[in-house]
Amino acid sequence: MSSSAPPQIPGTQVPPDLAEGLKKAVADLLGRESTRFPGAQPVSFAREHVAELQRQEYFMAEKTDGVRCLLYLTYQDVDTPAGPQFVPATFLIDRKNNYYNVDPPVKFPYFETPFDQDKFLFNTVLDGELVHDKDRNNPAGPPLLNYYVFDCLAINSQNYTAKPLDKRIGALKMKVFGPYRAWWDKYKAAPGLEPFGVKEKPVYTPYSFSEMFTTILPKLPHGNDGLVFTCKGTRYQFGTDKHILKWKPPQENTIDFKLKLGDFPLFDPEDGEDGLIPDYEAKPNRLALEILHNNNRYEHFTDLYFTTEDWEVLKSLNQRLDGRIIECHRDPEGRWRFKKEEDGTPRWRDDKKDANHVSTVNSVLDSINNPVTEKDLLDASATIREAVHRLRAEDKQRMIWQQQQQEKAERDAKKRKFSEVNGHGVRQTWKRLIDGQCGIVSIKDRGPKFAALPSRIAGVVPEGAKELGRWNAKELLAAGDERRMAKFAQYAMVASEEALKDAEWTPTREEDLEATGVYMGSGIGSLDDVYDTTVAFEQGGYRKVSPLFVPRLLINLAAGHVSMRFGFRGPNHAATTACTTGAHSIGDAARLIQFGDADVMVAGGAESCIHPLAIAGFARARSLASDWNGKPLEGSRPFDRDRAGFVIGEGAGVVVLEELEHARARGARIYTEVAGYGLSSDAYHMTAPREDGQGPYLAMKHALRHAGIKPGSVDYINAHATSTPLGDAAENRAIKNLLLSSDGKAKPSEINISSTKGAIGHLLGAAGSVEAIYTILALHHNTLPPTLNLQNPGDPPEEFDCNYVANVAQQQDVKVALSNSFGFGGTNASLCFTKM
């Protein structure tokens, strides 16, 4: 290991007002709301990380002793004698988030036309270090200034931060350095006058320590103070990234402190004045070292050990000392001393705005007190090599299996015949769902008004015999119910009867009836009644209006009918929050039990609005799929590149919620625990979601917070994903932002998401409760239901790189699951279920 004086950042610092515009441009490019320095920061390598190198594959690189900064390539308007011109511009961004305009600019050829002398990369952010390299051709001459690139955040307007490291490095090779080298080979020169050289920093396998220590490091033309390991499968993390590990030899571990001058000795100036004054030429009594705590608060950590000779060096600098960031190491006697440059002066960290945070300090102290030495790494190399080869073999097998599953799904899709997934009965519906069957059909033959609609497909509850799992009101309802109840209330009644039968809860005691409530909702209710009654009123006056019109119309009558049928005298409530209704019903009902208002709640949602008026309204709102009328089975395609809107559906989903000890006391079968419930609002638009997914993100975050569960523990998410371009992308972004956070998953492929709307369509007010049931059954059976019609995930620029359970159900150990529901008006809910 060797050190060298880090260079000064070249260029002219941009004034604050212009820098703010650049910061916002970079934040927009990277999809960030914050304009702070976006660079990732490593954590210190501890002994536990030797095992981490065996759990996931990492890339290894030498840790250059240079100045960390980002390289931002863009264009800007410049006044020239020939008039305003749009010309390339280069900015270096230091860790204080200062911007330096580098002139002449660094130019990289545009990868699609690498020899075009007028077209260069722009909207590009690269991550690297400025270093002083020794000139191998002139060792005695001045050092060469080079910028070593080791990562990329964006290339030519494409945001790469969500991609794993191996994809980012691949993009660097193909789109940045490949064209750059091709230019050199052809023109024997750089694309322009270069203010510094630009080099690609090589990476190595994480077990080639012998080669690294004996061959690579000794031949470096610049200073080096350790190694850096970066996980190849994780996204670029703004701020501290636990998957970037910084190893230093124990003697090289340092901490960046804020230096505070202490008291100086007093002396009598003998000038006739009374009193003693500080002697600023003398060695001070102490120099304090401070570290950063939360809320930008500094606290004393220790005192700097320094000799009289050290003080003379500090004085000779004739520079401000108080408040500067200084790099220090702990000597064998346990004293903290400043790290010295080759000329004996301190290593100032003027490139940093703040001293190390206490969390970083603790991490470094752990590396010092329990060090991992060069010998430790060499001893572990064989074990790490075996682990890496095993990980690669597992990845290869996983890719082969996924390819086989995809091919099987495509074959099955070609052979798939219509089957009524949307029939009644949970077990029958679940089996058909897991088998990959679809319940979406053409509705153009229902009448001329349906035939004239732009969207002529729907997920219907099929009419037919009860024993075939179809809907027959005469068989399924009590006498008079069909006349008294609107269709959505009929669905709610039958679903409630099935749920209560499964729960074996048919109480007769007064105290049990008083402690049992119903929470049932619908998003729209009965448009049939509204439309038919309006037509009758217009044609025949008020006497043509049925006395049952208003009771059939009211949303809360679904809950009312259920409570009347079974005599439940507990809370009787209804939600009508668009497509979040079903989830709100379950979540709110669970809270009523928590608040002691009930011991048992029958909760869910129901919808029946496959009506020309409803379809026309959604079509006019540009929400429905209208390109798949000839292929109804393929019309609902959540997360697919060809998705073009949702397919309307109908049905009901009802669950029985029960206080835990109450359920245990009667020996009830318990499927799951409602562990958390999160709500939020987009506060954005009547029908469109926020593109950044902030509302869904908050709902899921709150659900996990209530459950006391970290994002990394989530095994499955039943997504709201309705097959709309904006909605699916926003939810995908929200899920990844949450589950790839510091407490989340290591990489996107570990996130399991599916949307069952590919099979049943969008049930609007019933969607949340039906999909909650599917989520509960996924926990119960350790089976992830498939996302049907998912052939090509995603659409640029959003990266769809999670496991979306495409077309075929997957076996998976599921202990924690989320069920998401979002609705018009920006209402969001997420339910967290855990296995008991």
Foldseek 3Di string as FASTA:
>chain_A
DFAAFADDDDAAWDDPVVLVVVLVLLCVLLVHPDSADQAEDEAADFPVCLVVLLVFWKWKFFAFNYFKWKKAKAWDWDQDPVGIDTGIWIWIQFNRRITGTDPPHAFFAFLVCLQPLRHTKHRWMFTWGWFFFQDPVCNVDGTAIETETEFTQDTRSFGQQQFFQVVGVVCCCRGGVVSQVVNCVVVVDGSDDDPHHYHYGDIDGLQPLVCCVPPVVVPGRHGTFFMWIAGRFFGRGGYYDHRIYTYGALQSQKWKWFKAADFADWDDPPPPDDDTDGDPVADRPWIWTWAAEPPRDIDTDGTADDDRVLVVLVVVVVDDRHGWIFIWGQDPVRHIYFDAHPVGHGNTPNSHPHTHYPVSVVSSVSCNVRNCHSVNSNVSSVVSVVSVVVVVVVVVVVVVVVVVVLVVLVVCVVVADADQLVFDDDVVNLVCLQVLHFQKDFQLVVDVLLVPFLAGIAQEQADDDVVSRGDDCVVQDDPPCPVLAAPQLSLLQSQLVVQCVQQVDQDDDPVQLQQEFEEEEEQQAHPVLVVVQVVQCVVPNPVSRDPSSVVNRDGLNSRVVNCVVRVRNFDRYYDHFKQCRFVCFVVVVVVCVVVVRHFKYKTAYWDDDPDSVVSNVCVVVQAAQRPQSVPRLQQWFFQAPPQRHFHEFGGMFIHMDGDVVVSVVVVTDDLWDQQFKFKFFQVPAQFAHDQQLPGQLRQVVRRCVSNVHALQQAQEEAEQRRRHQRPSLSNLNSNCVRQSPNRHDRHQQRYEYEYSCSRRIRHISRNQRSVVVVQSVCQRQQKARARENHDHGDDPPRDDDYHHRYSHMDRHNGAKYKYWTARGRGIIMITIIGGD
